[in-house]
Amino acid sequence: MPSQLDMFSHDSVHSRVTTRAKGQSRPQNSAMTEQDMQRSLEATGRYRILTKLQPRAVAPTPRPGFPLRGVILDTETTGLNARTDEIIEIGVLAFTFNADGGIGDVSGLFGGMRQPSGKIPAEITRLTGITDEMVAGKSIDIQALERLIAPADLLIAHNAAFDRPFCEAFSPMFVNKAWACSVAEIDWRARGYEGTKLGYLIGQSGYFHDGHRAVDDCFALLEVLSGGGQKPGRSAFAELYAASQQSRVRIYAEQSPFDMKDQLKARGYRWSDGSEGRPKSWWIELPEDALDDELLYLRSEIYRWQDADPPVVHLTAFDRFRTRK
């Protein structure tokens, strides 16, 4: 029974919880199952029960019908800059899936820590729980990791714009792979979720978990992706996989008039400070079929010049979320 219900002792459950069906009450000496207690509490409308997430077992032989291979990965690092900071932990969960986005079996796991070149900052230890003592003398087994990464058709991270640059800086095995982001490429709000942080998604999916290790977070994300939230039909993973198969464009409103910044921001443009090889300008990323309409908007409403030709970058899952050289 989840720890949230520990406040209910065996005796208090017997004496306080009764059924209400047509005036019938549960005999005071009859034992209640966990399911009985959960139903009774939820029926009051005052409780919401979370179930401890149980990691799926690794299948010795994955079922047929799921020919594609996916990998969920999570990293812990010494900081935010992939050029200067380092991975100190990586977790990988490999699974099978099909072209419709149906999830098959967990087919492999990897978790490893490594000692960085310097001390782990105190703030990072506070956030991750990883200490210098925990990583002392440790290194990541590259061959074991590559056995899961090399055959993968899709790598998934919960904020791929963070994890992909770190992974590519760590090893070339991550470079020529298709990546998907479970933050940016799923409409969680349309699915009834209040936020995109993994903790919110897990809780609103009805689970809680021990989220201090990278592999644990990979298992948690798999369960969230396998569900649909309040949106009927395809799972969150099916939505993510479909999005990863679509080409997108990134448009840079370079040299746009300064007094148009509020209008661009209101339309969804974000500011690039010119770092990592990107133009210093407002930019937006859209489905490829929206390119012509967006260029028309920029030329008529922002530049007010029909020959304006802002930079456009075409993107697929193979080059999205990476650091530009």
C-alpha atoms as a PDB file:
ATOM      1  CA  MET A   1       0.000   0.000   0.000  1.00  0.00           C
ATOM      2  CA  PRO A   2       1.431   3.416  -0.889  1.00  0.00           C
ATOM      3  CA  SER A   3       2.843   5.384   1.984  1.00  0.00           C
ATOM      4  CA  GLN A   4       0.137   8.047   1.631  1.00  0.00           C
ATOM      5  CA  LEU A   5      -2.277   5.657   3.362  1.00  0.00           C
ATOM      6  CA  ASP A   6      -0.012   4.711   6.253  1.00  0.00           C
ATOM      7  CA  MET A   7      -1.953   7.172   8.439  1.00  0.00           C
ATOM      8  CA  PHE A   8      -4.854   4.709   8.397  1.00  0.00           C
ATOM      9  CA  SER A   9      -4.123   2.001  10.942  1.00  0.00           C
ATOM     10  CA  HIS A  10      -5.687  -1.427  10.641  1.00  0.00           C
ATOM     11  CA  ASP A  11      -8.139  -0.670  13.467  1.00  0.00           C
ATOM     12  CA  SER A  12      -9.148   2.780  12.204  1.00  0.00           C
ATOM     13  CA  VAL A  13      -9.888   1.402   8.752  1.00  0.00           C
ATOM     14  CA  HIS A  14     -12.171  -1.204  10.310  1.00  0.00           C
ATOM     15  CA  SER A  15     -14.031   1.320  12.428  1.00  0.00           C
ATOM     16  CA  ARG A  16     -14.372   4.300  10.065  1.00  0.00           C
ATOM     17  CA  VAL A  17     -14.773   3.092   6.496  1.00  0.00           C
ATOM     18  CA  THR A  18     -18.116   1.584   5.569  1.00  0.00           C
ATOM     19  CA  THR A  19     -19.851   0.985   2.289  1.00  0.00           C
ATOM     20  CA  ARG A  20     -22.877   3.086   1.361  1.00  0.00           C
ATOM     21  CA  ALA A  21     -24.628   0.816  -1.107  1.00  0.00           C
ATOM     22  CA  LYS A  22     -28.350   0.918  -0.303  1.00  0.00           C
ATOM     23  CA  GLY A  23     -27.856   1.331   3.404  1.00  0.00           C
ATOM     24  CA  GLN A  24     -25.633  -1.700   3.773  1.00  0.00           C
ATOM     25  CA  SER A  25     -22.558  -1.295   5.928  1.00  0.00           C
ATOM     26  CA  ARG A  26     -19.423  -3.392   5.912  1.00  0.00           C
ATOM     27  CA  PRO A  27     -19.213  -5.649   8.983  1.00  0.00           C
ATOM     28  CA  GLN A  28     -16.799  -4.136  11.455  1.00  0.00           C
ATOM     29  CA  ASN A  29     -14.628  -7.224  11.536  1.00  0.00           C
ATOM     30  CA  SER A  30     -14.257  -7.777   7.763  1.00  0.00           C
ATOM     31  CA  ALA A  31     -10.832  -7.105   6.264  1.00  0.00           C
ATOM     32  CA  MET A  32     -10.470  -4.479   3.545  1.00  0.00           C
ATOM     33  CA  THR A  33      -8.214  -4.868   0.548  1.00  0.00           C
ATOM     34  CA  GLU A  34      -6.074  -2.038  -0.799  1.00  0.00           C
ATOM     35  CA  GLN A  35      -8.547  -1.699  -3.663  1.00  0.00           C
ATOM     36  CA  ASP A  36     -11.448  -1.355  -1.199  1.00  0.00           C
ATOM     37  CA  MET A  37      -9.645   1.385   0.705  1.00  0.00           C
ATOM     38  CA  GLN A  38      -8.698   3.217  -2.483  1.00  0.00           C
ATOM     39  CA  ARG A  39     -12.260   3.144  -3.807  1.00  0.00           C
ATOM     40  CA  SER A  40     -13.660   4.279  -0.468  1.00  0.00           C
ATOM     41  CA  LEU A  41     -11.292   7.214  -0.178  1.00  0.00           C
ATOM     42  CA  GLU A  42     -11.667   8.341  -3.797  1.00  0.00           C
ATOM     43  CA  ALA A  43     -15.465   8.097  -3.544  1.00  0.00           C
ATOM     44  CA  THR A  44     -15.441  10.905  -0.950  1.00  0.00           C
ATOM     45  CA  GLY A  45     -14.009  13.326  -3.513  1.00  0.00           C
ATOM     46  CA  ARG A  46     -11.447  14.488  -0.944  1.00  0.00           C
ATOM     47  CA  TYR A  47      -8.597  12.142  -1.813  1.00  0.00           C
ATOM     48  CA  ARG A  48      -6.477  11.336  -4.826  1.00  0.00           C
ATOM     49  CA  ILE A  49      -4.480   8.121  -4.620  1.00  0.00           C
ATOM     50  CA  LEU A  50      -1.042   7.802  -6.224  1.00  0.00           C
ATOM     51  CA  THR A  51       0.397   4.377  -6.948  1.00  0.00           C
ATOM     52  CA  LYS A  52       4.109   3.696  -6.625  1.00  0.00           C
ATOM     53  CA  LEU A  53       5.489   3.217 -10.098  1.00  0.00           C
ATOM     54  CA  GLN A  54       6.764  -0.300 -10.684  1.00  0.00           C
ATOM     55  CA  PRO A  55       9.481  -0.463 -13.374  1.00  0.00           C
ATOM     56  CA  ARG A  56       8.694  -2.780 -16.251  1.00  0.00           C
ATOM     57  CA  ALA A  57      10.770  -5.937 -16.494  1.00  0.00           C
ATOM     58  CA  VAL A  58      13.309  -6.338 -19.274  1.00  0.00           C
ATOM     59  CA  ALA A  59      11.908  -8.855 -21.742  1.00  0.00           C
ATOM     60  CA  PRO A  60      14.368 -11.677 -22.536  1.00  0.00           C
ATOM     61  CA  THR A  61      12.803 -11.911 -25.997  1.00  0.00           C
ATOM     62  CA  PRO A  62      10.803  -8.867 -27.203  1.00  0.00           C
ATOM     63  CA  ARG A  63       7.425  -9.687 -28.721  1.00  0.00           C
ATOM     64  CA  PRO A  64       7.054  -9.655 -32.521  1.00  0.00           C
ATOM     65  CA  GLY A  65       5.066  -6.859 -34.076  1.00  0.00           C
ATOM     66  CA  PHE A  66       7.225  -4.071 -32.664  1.00  0.00           C
ATOM     67  CA  PRO A  67      10.150  -3.836 -35.102  1.00  0.00           C
ATOM     68  CA  LEU A  68      11.394  -0.349 -34.200  1.00  0.00           C
ATOM     69  CA  ARG A  69      13.773   0.455 -31.373  1.00  0.00           C
ATOM     70  CA  GLY A  70      13.548   3.468 -29.112  1.00  0.00           C
ATOM     71  CA  VAL A  71      15.740   4.728 -26.320  1.00  0.00           C
ATOM     72  CA  ILE A  72      14.762   6.994 -23.453  1.00  0.00           C
ATOM     73  CA  LEU A  73      17.769   8.634 -21.881  1.00  0.00           C
ATOM     74  CA  ASP A  74      18.454  10.999 -19.011  1.00  0.00           C
ATOM     75  CA  THR A  75      21.671  12.710 -17.969  1.00  0.00           C
ATOM     76  CA  GLU A  76      22.954  14.440 -14.870  1.00  0.00           C
ATOM     77  CA  THR A  77      25.720  16.962 -15.443  1.00  0.00           C
ATOM     78  CA  THR A  78      28.056  19.342 -13.614  1.00  0.00           C
ATOM     79  CA  GLY A  79      26.303  22.380 -15.111  1.00  0.00           C
ATOM     80  CA  LEU A  80      24.272  23.764 -17.997  1.00  0.00           C
ATOM     81  CA  ASN A  81      26.930  24.375 -20.676  1.00  0.00           C
ATOM     82  CA  ALA A  82      27.722  21.342 -22.819  1.00  0.00           C
ATOM     83  CA  ARG A  83      30.949  22.990 -23.979  1.00  0.00           C
ATOM     84  CA  THR A  84      32.440  23.325 -20.502  1.00  0.00           C
ATOM     85  CA  ASP A  85      30.444  21.055 -18.177  1.00  0.00           C
ATOM     86  CA  GLU A  86      30.404  17.259 -18.090  1.00  0.00           C
ATOM     87  CA  ILE A  87      28.074  14.282 -17.742  1.00  0.00           C
ATOM     88  CA  ILE A  88      28.316  12.632 -14.339  1.00  0.00           C
ATOM     89  CA  GLU A  89      25.480  10.123 -14.781  1.00  0.00           C
ATOM     90  CA  ILE A  90      23.562   8.696 -17.691  1.00  0.00           C
ATOM     91  CA  GLY A  91      20.530   6.398 -17.686  1.00  0.00           C
ATOM     92  CA  VAL A  92      19.242   4.584 -20.764  1.00  0.00           C
ATOM     93  CA  LEU A  93      16.112   2.498 -21.268  1.00  0.00           C
ATOM     94  CA  ALA A  94      15.712   0.697 -24.596  1.00  0.00           C
ATOM     95  CA  PHE A  95      12.274  -0.428 -25.786  1.00  0.00           C
ATOM     96  CA  THR A  96      10.525  -1.688 -28.884  1.00  0.00           C
ATOM     97  CA  PHE A  97       7.663   0.019 -30.728  1.00  0.00           C
ATOM     98  CA  ASN A  98       5.801  -0.018 -34.037  1.00  0.00           C
ATOM     99  CA  ALA A  99       5.095   2.560 -36.731  1.00  0.00           C
ATOM    100  CA  ASP A 100       1.741   3.458 -35.147  1.00  0.00           C
ATOM    101  CA  GLY A 101       3.443   4.436 -31.908  1.00  0.00           C
ATOM    102  CA  GLY A 102       2.480   1.308 -30.005  1.00  0.00           C
ATOM    103  CA  ILE A 103       4.984   0.438 -27.274  1.00  0.00           C
ATOM    104  CA  GLY A 104       6.177  -3.171 -27.041  1.00  0.00           C
ATOM    105  CA  ASP A 105       8.706  -4.295 -24.444  1.00  0.00           C
ATOM    106  CA  VAL A 106      11.635  -2.959 -22.480  1.00  0.00           C
ATOM    107  CA  SER A 107      14.609  -4.567 -24.221  1.00  0.00           C
ATOM    108  CA  GLY A 108      17.596  -3.196 -22.322  1.00  0.00           C
ATOM    109  CA  LEU A 109      18.860  -0.953 -19.538  1.00  0.00           C
ATOM    110  CA  PHE A 110      22.034   0.931 -18.779  1.00  0.00           C
ATOM    111  CA  GLY A 111      22.980   3.174 -15.891  1.00  0.00           C
ATOM    112  CA  GLY A 112      26.399   4.544 -15.144  1.00  0.00           C
ATOM    113  CA  MET A 113      28.274   7.313 -13.363  1.00  0.00           C
ATOM    114  CA  ARG A 114      31.597   8.955 -14.167  1.00  0.00           C
ATOM    115  CA  GLN A 115      34.053  11.093 -12.281  1.00  0.00           C
ATOM    116  CA  PRO A 116      34.341  14.550 -13.879  1.00  0.00           C
ATOM    117  CA  SER A 117      37.597  16.425 -14.313  1.00  0.00           C
ATOM    118  CA  GLY A 118      36.832  18.670 -11.333  1.00  0.00           C
ATOM    119  CA  LYS A 119      34.715  18.694  -8.213  1.00  0.00           C
ATOM    120  CA  ILE A 120      30.929  18.588  -8.524  1.00  0.00           C
ATOM    121  CA  PRO A 121      29.489  22.019  -7.644  1.00  0.00           C
ATOM    122  CA  ALA A 122      27.532  22.111  -4.390  1.00  0.00           C
ATOM    123  CA  GLU A 123      24.422  23.315  -6.228  1.00  0.00           C
ATOM    124  CA  ILE A 124      24.533  20.274  -8.520  1.00  0.00           C
ATOM    125  CA  THR A 125      24.857  17.946  -5.536  1.00  0.00           C
ATOM    126  CA  ARG A 126      21.861  19.644  -3.958  1.00  0.00           C
ATOM    127  CA  LEU A 127      19.783  19.201  -7.129  1.00  0.00           C
ATOM    128  CA  THR A 128      20.837  15.671  -8.070  1.00  0.00           C
ATOM    129  CA  GLY A 129      22.007  14.092  -4.827  1.00  0.00           C
ATOM    130  CA  ILE A 130      25.240  13.046  -6.580  1.00  0.00           C
ATOM    131  CA  THR A 131      28.381  13.628  -4.538  1.00  0.00           C
ATOM    132  CA  ASP A 132      32.088  13.486  -5.385  1.00  0.00           C
ATOM    133  CA  GLU A 133      32.328  10.318  -3.305  1.00  0.00           C
ATOM    134  CA  MET A 134      29.627   8.601  -5.379  1.00  0.00           C
ATOM    135  CA  VAL A 135      31.468   9.136  -8.671  1.00  0.00           C
ATOM    136  CA  ALA A 136      35.046   8.734  -7.421  1.00  0.00           C
ATOM    137  CA  GLY A 137      37.003   6.452  -9.738  1.00  0.00           C
ATOM    138  CA  LYS A 138      33.956   5.623 -11.878  1.00  0.00           C
ATOM    139  CA  SER A 139      33.651   5.693 -15.656  1.00  0.00           C
ATOM    140  CA  ILE A 140      30.857   4.904 -18.100  1.00  0.00           C
ATOM    141  CA  ASP A 141      31.083   1.598 -19.974  1.00  0.00           C
ATOM    142  CA  ILE A 142      31.104   2.906 -23.551  1.00  0.00           C
ATOM    143  CA  GLN A 143      30.678  -0.505 -25.163  1.00  0.00           C
ATOM    144  CA  ALA A 144      27.668  -1.412 -23.026  1.00  0.00           C
ATOM    145  CA  LEU A 145      26.100   1.963 -23.753  1.00  0.00           C
ATOM    146  CA  GLU A 146      26.731   1.704 -27.480  1.00  0.00           C
ATOM    147  CA  ARG A 147      25.017  -1.687 -27.657  1.00  0.00           C
ATOM    148  CA  LEU A 148      21.753   0.096 -26.826  1.00  0.00           C
ATOM    149  CA  ILE A 149      22.337   3.365 -28.706  1.00  0.00           C
ATOM    150  CA  ALA A 150      23.667   2.024 -32.026  1.00  0.00           C
ATOM    151  CA  PRO A 151      20.525   0.093 -33.109  1.00  0.00           C
ATOM    152  CA  ALA A 152      18.073   2.758 -31.882  1.00  0.00           C
ATOM    153  CA  ASP A 153      15.729   4.348 -34.437  1.00  0.00           C
ATOM    154  CA  LEU A 154      14.853   7.199 -32.066  1.00  0.00           C
ATOM    155  CA  LEU A 155      16.461   8.721 -28.982  1.00  0.00           C
ATOM    156  CA  ILE A 156      14.077  10.471 -26.568  1.00  0.00           C
ATOM    157  CA  ALA A 157      14.973  12.937 -23.836  1.00  0.00           C
ATOM    158  CA  HIS A 158      12.769  15.045 -21.606  1.00  0.00           C
ATOM    159  CA  ASN A 159      14.346  18.317 -22.796  1.00  0.00           C
ATOM    160  CA  ALA A 160      16.450  17.103 -25.705  1.00  0.00           C
ATOM    161  CA  ALA A 161      17.868  20.595 -26.246  1.00  0.00           C
ATOM    162  CA  PHE A 162      19.766  20.022 -22.989  1.00  0.00           C
ATOM    163  CA  ASP A 163      20.636  16.315 -23.209  1.00  0.00           C
ATOM    164  CA  ARG A 164      21.595  16.051 -26.887  1.00  0.00           C
ATOM    165  CA  PRO A 165      24.520  18.554 -26.807  1.00  0.00           C
ATOM    166  CA  PHE A 166      25.938  16.878 -23.686  1.00  0.00           C
ATOM    167  CA  CYS A 167      25.612  13.403 -25.196  1.00  0.00           C
ATOM    168  CA  GLU A 168      27.224  14.445 -28.481  1.00  0.00           C
ATOM    169  CA  ALA A 169      30.096  16.090 -26.609  1.00  0.00           C
ATOM    170  CA  PHE A 170      30.535  12.872 -24.621  1.00  0.00           C
ATOM    171  CA  SER A 171      30.584  10.387 -27.533  1.00  0.00           C
ATOM    172  CA  PRO A 172      30.130  10.353 -31.325  1.00  0.00           C
ATOM    173  CA  MET A 173      27.698   7.430 -30.951  1.00  0.00           C
ATOM    174  CA  PHE A 174      24.955  10.024 -30.328  1.00  0.00           C
ATOM    175  CA  VAL A 175      25.684  12.296 -33.293  1.00  0.00           C
ATOM    176  CA  ASN A 176      24.018  10.735 -36.329  1.00  0.00           C
ATOM    177  CA  LYS A 177      20.826   9.699 -34.562  1.00  0.00           C
ATOM    178  CA  ALA A 178      17.227  10.860 -34.725  1.00  0.00           C
ATOM    179  CA  TRP A 179      16.179  12.668 -31.541  1.00  0.00           C
ATOM    180  CA  ALA A 180      12.793  13.560 -30.082  1.00  0.00           C
ATOM    181  CA  CYS A 181      11.897  15.816 -27.163  1.00  0.00           C
ATOM    182  CA  SER A 182       9.068  14.777 -24.851  1.00  0.00           C
ATOM    183  CA  VAL A 183       8.787  18.363 -23.587  1.00  0.00           C
ATOM    184  CA  ALA A 184       8.627  20.257 -26.881  1.00  0.00           C
ATOM    185  CA  GLU A 185       6.921  17.756 -29.197  1.00  0.00           C
ATOM    186  CA  ILE A 186       3.877  16.725 -27.141  1.00  0.00           C
ATOM    187  CA  ASP A 187       0.931  19.028 -26.408  1.00  0.00           C
ATOM    188  CA  TRP A 188       0.676  18.139 -22.733  1.00  0.00           C
ATOM    189  CA  ARG A 189      -1.831  20.903 -22.020  1.00  0.00           C
ATOM    190  CA  ALA A 190      -4.254  19.431 -24.561  1.00  0.00           C
ATOM    191  CA  ARG A 191      -3.895  16.156 -22.673  1.00  0.00           C
ATOM    192  CA  GLY A 192      -4.995  17.783 -19.422  1.00  0.00           C
ATOM    193  CA  TYR A 193      -1.617  18.209 -17.766  1.00  0.00           C
ATOM    194  CA  GLU A 194      -0.783  21.376 -15.853  1.00  0.00           C
ATOM    195  CA  GLY A 195       2.934  21.442 -16.610  1.00  0.00           C
ATOM    196  CA  THR A 196       5.684  19.716 -18.558  1.00  0.00           C
ATOM    197  CA  LYS A 197       8.099  18.895 -15.726  1.00  0.00           C
ATOM    198  CA  LEU A 198       8.441  15.154 -15.300  1.00  0.00           C
ATOM    199  CA  GLY A 199       7.295  15.345 -11.674  1.00  0.00           C
ATOM    200  CA  TYR A 200       4.005  16.988 -12.711  1.00  0.00           C
ATOM    201  CA  LEU A 201       3.438  14.463 -15.494  1.00  0.00           C
ATOM    202  CA  ILE A 202       4.083  11.487 -13.226  1.00  0.00           C
ATOM    203  CA  GLY A 203       1.805  12.766 -10.468  1.00  0.00           C
ATOM    204  CA  GLN A 204      -1.033  13.638 -12.830  1.00  0.00           C
ATOM    205  CA  SER A 205      -0.683  10.199 -14.410  1.00  0.00           C
ATOM    206  CA  GLY A 206      -1.449   8.665 -11.008  1.00  0.00           C
ATOM    207  CA  TYR A 207       2.058   7.622  -9.957  1.00  0.00           C
ATOM    208  CA  PHE A 208       4.896   8.560  -7.655  1.00  0.00           C
ATOM    209  CA  HIS A 209       8.461   7.304  -7.907  1.00  0.00           C
ATOM    210  CA  ASP A 210      11.961   7.560  -6.477  1.00  0.00           C
ATOM    211  CA  GLY A 211      13.292  10.126  -8.919  1.00  0.00           C
ATOM    212  CA  HIS A 212      16.894  10.602  -7.871  1.00  0.00           C
ATOM    213  CA  ARG A 213      18.550   8.288 -10.371  1.00  0.00           C
ATOM    214  CA  ALA A 214      18.627   8.660 -14.140  1.00  0.00           C
ATOM    215  CA  VAL A 215      17.313   5.154 -14.894  1.00  0.00           C
ATOM    216  CA  ASP A 216      14.373   5.697 -12.518  1.00  0.00           C
ATOM    217  CA  ASP A 217      13.381   8.810 -14.459  1.00  0.00           C
ATOM    218  CA  CYS A 218      13.598   6.862 -17.732  1.00  0.00           C
ATOM    219  CA  PHE A 219      11.128   4.277 -16.408  1.00  0.00           C
ATOM    220  CA  ALA A 220       8.843   7.046 -15.196  1.00  0.00           C
ATOM    221  CA  LEU A 221       8.856   8.790 -18.572  1.00  0.00           C
ATOM    222  CA  LEU A 222       8.054   5.524 -20.354  1.00  0.00           C
ATOM    223  CA  GLU A 223       4.900   5.111 -18.257  1.00  0.00           C
ATOM    224  CA  VAL A 224       3.829   8.701 -18.882  1.00  0.00           C
ATOM    225  CA  LEU A 225       4.409   8.328 -22.630  1.00  0.00           C
ATOM    226  CA  SER A 226       2.420   5.091 -22.756  1.00  0.00           C
ATOM    227  CA  GLY A 227      -0.688   6.874 -21.458  1.00  0.00           C
ATOM    228  CA  GLY A 228      -2.869   9.491 -23.070  1.00  0.00           C
ATOM    229  CA  GLY A 229      -3.940  11.767 -20.235  1.00  0.00           C
ATOM    230  CA  GLN A 230      -7.397  13.243 -20.782  1.00  0.00           C
ATOM    231  CA  LYS A 231      -7.053  13.198 -24.567  1.00  0.00           C
ATOM    232  CA  PRO A 232      -8.722  10.118 -26.066  1.00  0.00           C
ATOM    233  CA  GLY A 233      -7.113   8.191 -28.881  1.00  0.00           C
ATOM    234  CA  ARG A 234      -3.416   7.852 -29.448  1.00  0.00           C
ATOM    235  CA  SER A 235      -0.869   7.768 -26.654  1.00  0.00           C
ATOM    236  CA  ALA A 236       1.552  10.547 -25.842  1.00  0.00           C
ATOM    237  CA  PHE A 237       4.321   8.434 -27.369  1.00  0.00           C
ATOM    238  CA  ALA A 238       2.383   8.019 -30.620  1.00  0.00           C
ATOM    239  CA  GLU A 239       2.064  11.818 -30.784  1.00  0.00           C
ATOM    240  CA  LEU A 240       5.777  12.211 -30.088  1.00  0.00           C
ATOM    241  CA  TYR A 241       6.821   9.669 -32.718  1.00  0.00           C
ATOM    242  CA  ALA A 242       4.579  11.249 -35.355  1.00  0.00           C
ATOM    243  CA  ALA A 243       6.043  14.681 -34.580  1.00  0.00           C
ATOM    244  CA  SER A 244       9.578  13.327 -34.880  1.00  0.00           C
ATOM    245  CA  GLN A 245       8.830  12.167 -38.429  1.00  0.00           C
ATOM    246  CA  GLN A 246       7.821  15.636 -39.604  1.00  0.00           C
ATOM    247  CA  SER A 247      10.234  18.148 -41.116  1.00  0.00           C
ATOM    248  CA  ARG A 248      10.238  21.580 -39.501  1.00  0.00           C
ATOM    249  CA  VAL A 249      11.633  25.004 -40.309  1.00  0.00           C
ATOM    250  CA  ARG A 250      13.295  27.563 -38.079  1.00  0.00           C
ATOM    251  CA  ILE A 251      12.854  31.120 -39.285  1.00  0.00           C
ATOM    252  CA  TYR A 252      15.121  33.903 -38.033  1.00  0.00           C
ATOM    253  CA  ALA A 253      13.585  37.380 -38.251  1.00  0.00           C
ATOM    254  CA  GLU A 254      17.057  38.835 -38.699  1.00  0.00           C
ATOM    255  CA  GLN A 255      17.315  42.647 -38.821  1.00  0.00           C
ATOM    256  CA  SER A 256      13.639  43.041 -37.979  1.00  0.00           C
ATOM    257  CA  PRO A 257      12.685  46.546 -36.756  1.00  0.00           C
ATOM    258  CA  PHE A 258      13.249  46.998 -33.022  1.00  0.00           C
ATOM    259  CA  ASP A 259       9.751  48.389 -32.476  1.00  0.00           C
ATOM    260  CA  MET A 260       8.284  45.092 -33.770  1.00  0.00           C
ATOM    261  CA  LYS A 261       9.775  42.988 -30.963  1.00  0.00           C
ATOM    262  CA  ASP A 262       6.555  42.882 -28.920  1.00  0.00           C
ATOM    263  CA  GLN A 263       4.555  41.804 -31.950  1.00  0.00           C
ATOM    264  CA  LEU A 264       7.037  39.025 -32.713  1.00  0.00           C
ATOM    265  CA  LYS A 265       7.086  37.871 -29.100  1.00  0.00           C
ATOM    266  CA  ALA A 266       3.293  37.761 -28.987  1.00  0.00           C
ATOM    267  CA  ARG A 267       3.310  35.557 -32.100  1.00  0.00           C
ATOM    268  CA  GLY A 268       5.607  33.018 -30.418  1.00  0.00           C
ATOM    269  CA  TYR A 269       9.043  34.175 -31.523  1.00  0.00           C
ATOM    270  CA  ARG A 270      11.942  33.738 -29.115  1.00  0.00           C
ATOM    271  CA  TRP A 271      15.168  35.702 -28.836  1.00  0.00           C
ATOM    272  CA  SER A 272      18.522  34.263 -29.886  1.00  0.00           C
ATOM    273  CA  ASP A 273      21.543  36.078 -28.447  1.00  0.00           C
ATOM    274  CA  GLY A 274      23.782  34.926 -31.282  1.00  0.00           C
ATOM    275  CA  SER A 275      25.543  32.181 -29.315  1.00  0.00           C
ATOM    276  CA  GLU A 276      26.269  28.690 -30.663  1.00  0.00           C
ATOM    277  CA  GLY A 277      26.420  29.939 -34.257  1.00  0.00           C
ATOM    278  CA  ARG A 278      22.830  31.117 -34.466  1.00  0.00           C
ATOM    279  CA  PRO A 279      21.835  34.546 -35.859  1.00  0.00           C
ATOM    280  CA  LYS A 280      21.260  37.251 -33.254  1.00  0.00           C
ATOM    281  CA  SER A 281      17.555  37.776 -33.828  1.00  0.00           C
ATOM    282  CA  TRP A 282      14.020  36.708 -33.000  1.00  0.00           C
ATOM    283  CA  TRP A 283      13.177  33.218 -34.263  1.00  0.00           C
ATOM    284  CA  ILE A 284      10.377  30.696 -34.446  1.00  0.00           C
ATOM    285  CA  GLU A 285      10.161  26.986 -35.295  1.00  0.00           C
ATOM    286  CA  LEU A 286       7.161  25.729 -37.265  1.00  0.00           C
ATOM    287  CA  PRO A 287       5.960  22.764 -39.325  1.00  0.00           C
ATOM    288  CA  GLU A 288       7.404  22.934 -42.824  1.00  0.00           C
ATOM    289  CA  ASP A 289       4.001  23.470 -44.425  1.00  0.00           C
ATOM    290  CA  ALA A 290       3.597  26.714 -42.457  1.00  0.00           C
ATOM    291  CA  LEU A 291       6.690  28.317 -44.015  1.00  0.00           C
ATOM    292  CA  ASP A 292       4.994  30.241 -46.832  1.00  0.00           C
ATOM    293  CA  ASP A 293       2.349  31.750 -44.562  1.00  0.00           C
ATOM    294  CA  GLU A 294       4.942  32.817 -42.007  1.00  0.00           C
ATOM    295  CA  LEU A 295       7.173  34.435 -44.622  1.00  0.00           C
ATOM    296  CA  LEU A 296       4.124  36.315 -45.935  1.00  0.00           C
ATOM    297  CA  TYR A 297       3.409  37.545 -42.409  1.00  0.00           C
ATOM    298  CA  LEU A 298       6.991  38.716 -41.881  1.00  0.00           C
ATOM    299  CA  ARG A 299       7.159  40.519 -45.221  1.00  0.00           C
ATOM    300  CA  SER A 300       3.807  42.247 -44.842  1.00  0.00           C
ATOM    301  CA  GLU A 301       3.601  42.933 -41.083  1.00  0.00           C
ATOM    302  CA  ILE A 302       7.196  43.093 -39.815  1.00  0.00           C
ATOM    303  CA  TYR A 303       9.599  44.094 -42.594  1.00  0.00           C
ATOM    304  CA  ARG A 304       6.923  45.670 -44.814  1.00  0.00           C
ATOM    305  CA  TRP A 305       9.091  44.818 -47.764  1.00  0.00           C
ATOM    306  CA  GLN A 306       8.066  42.088 -50.172  1.00  0.00           C
ATOM    307  CA  ASP A 307      11.622  41.096 -51.059  1.00  0.00           C
ATOM    308  CA  ALA A 308      12.668  40.489 -47.454  1.00  0.00           C
ATOM    309  CA  ASP A 309      14.428  37.136 -47.218  1.00  0.00           C
ATOM    310  CA  PRO A 310      14.970  36.096 -43.584  1.00  0.00           C
ATOM    311  CA  PRO A 311      17.217  33.059 -42.941  1.00  0.00           C
ATOM    312  CA  VAL A 312      15.398  29.719 -42.898  1.00  0.00           C
ATOM    313  CA  VAL A 313      16.849  26.453 -41.552  1.00  0.00           C
ATOM    314  CA  HIS A 314      15.189  23.151 -42.451  1.00  0.00           C
ATOM    315  CA  LEU A 315      15.242  20.578 -39.656  1.00  0.00           C
ATOM    316  CA  THR A 316      14.537  16.875 -39.176  1.00  0.00           C
ATOM    317  CA  ALA A 317      14.858  14.670 -36.114  1.00  0.00           C
ATOM    318  CA  PHE A 318      18.493  14.116 -37.102  1.00  0.00           C
ATOM    319  CA  ASP A 319      19.466  17.748 -36.576  1.00  0.00           C
ATOM    320  CA  ARG A 320      16.909  19.187 -34.166  1.00  0.00           C
ATOM    321  CA  PHE A 321      17.979  20.006 -30.580  1.00  0.00           C
ATOM    322  CA  ARG A 322      21.703  19.892 -31.335  1.00  0.00           C
ATOM    323  CA  THR A 323      24.281  22.597 -30.669  1.00  0.00           C
ATOM    324  CA  ARG A 324      25.291  24.310 -33.884  1.00  0.00           C
ATOM    325  CA  LYS A 325      29.022  24.402 -34.478  1.00  0.00           C
END
